[in-house]
Amino acid sequence: MEVKEALIALNMVDHLGPIRLKQLLQYFPSPVELLSASESELSRVPGIGPETAHAIAHWDKLVDLAGEMQRIAAFGCSVLVESDPEYPAALREIYDPPIVLYVQGALQDRDRHGLAVVGSRRSSPYGLETARRLSYQLAGAGLTVVSGGARGIDTAAHQGALSAKGRTVAVLGTGINLVFPPENAELYRKIASGGAVMTQFPFNRPADRQSFPIRNRLVAGMTLGTLVVEAPLNSGAMITANFAVEYGRQVFAVPGRIDSPGSKGCHELIKKGAKLCEGVDDVLGEFEYLFPPSRSARGTGRAEVVLPLNDQETRLLGFLEDGEKSIDELIRASGLSSSVVSVALLGLELKRLVQPFPGKIFARVQRVQEP
């Protein structure tokens, strides 16, 4: 048995999570040997109760590993473990990284620059529009928008990122083969075609009250920060924000009406120190280190651009090759809408590739070759 197969089997064992597995692997050299341990050997490990010891010792009677491997092959998803280079680097930094990840689509190195955009399933038109707009702008600036694929704010966040032709990742609270809610089947397909749909749960695992907090932990753990758009006090989005704080990540919250129950959670987060978000600049300003200055003619700056350019940014840079232009000239030349051009210019400015001047004039920053 290969190590990855052993980890897939262990991930299917009841009463065993990443923390207990990490503890067990201090006593057993590898996951493969752990699966061969006797119940008495397992029971001697501190903190491992009789239920867990029994489940691991009899895993071959309780877990259908052969069937799971067949389902993985038939579905066409990949399975990542912590030793795989594609496994999200940010998840390696938390104390309870998932044992395995089932991924449809593909995770990329650039997804380490991800932001969680979350909120209520029962969202208002204001919340939905705000989530779409902010996610569109965040994806346009080069960040990967991560959310939970649920109704409401999650769906709006994914849609906004897709509209910007940016990357988005959906983290599920079910097995990878289940679509919840059912009406998001086409959305999941679009996400996987240019980003990723992922879960830590085995095939056919339905959604339940335990699975969503576990899912929220992944959303917070794999991102630089969490933006809560609209959330009541007792909501899954608040759980995600709490995990973000626990993992030492930034938390942002969008304010709403003071008499709206759907914004009470956001207001509570702001009271406790979350950064108030009135627009995309409030988020991007916290991550300026992702956009290090390019080497200019004066020799200032230290590095090349970290984040890749999207299609709109590349297009606008081309129009600036022959000199500075006003935003109106760029809109006419590119044929893009004013909102798309504004977002793209903001991304280029943060990446130190464009210099703004009074009168909404923009010029390309000239760089010199290394000596």
Foldseek 3Di string as FASTA:
>chain_A
DDQLLLLVLQLPFPPDFQLVVVQVCVVPVGSVVQLCDALVVQCPRPPQDSSNSVRSPPSVVVDDSVVLVVVCVVVVWDKDAPPDPQPQPLLVLDPGRGGMKTKQAGRDNLQLAAEEEDADLPDDPVLLVVLLLLLLLCQQLFHEYEYALAHDSRLSNLNSNVVNVGAYEHEYLAAPPDHVPPVCPVVQVSNRNRYIYMYSDGPPGDHDPPSLLVSLLVSLRNHQEYEYRWAAQPDSSLSSNVSNVVSVHAYEYEADDPPDRRRNNRVVVVVVPHHYDPHNCSVVVVVLVQQWAAQAPVRDTDDAHNGDHDPLLVVLLVVQPVHKDALVVSCVVVVDDSSSSVSSVVSCVSNNQWDADPPRIIHGGDHDDDD
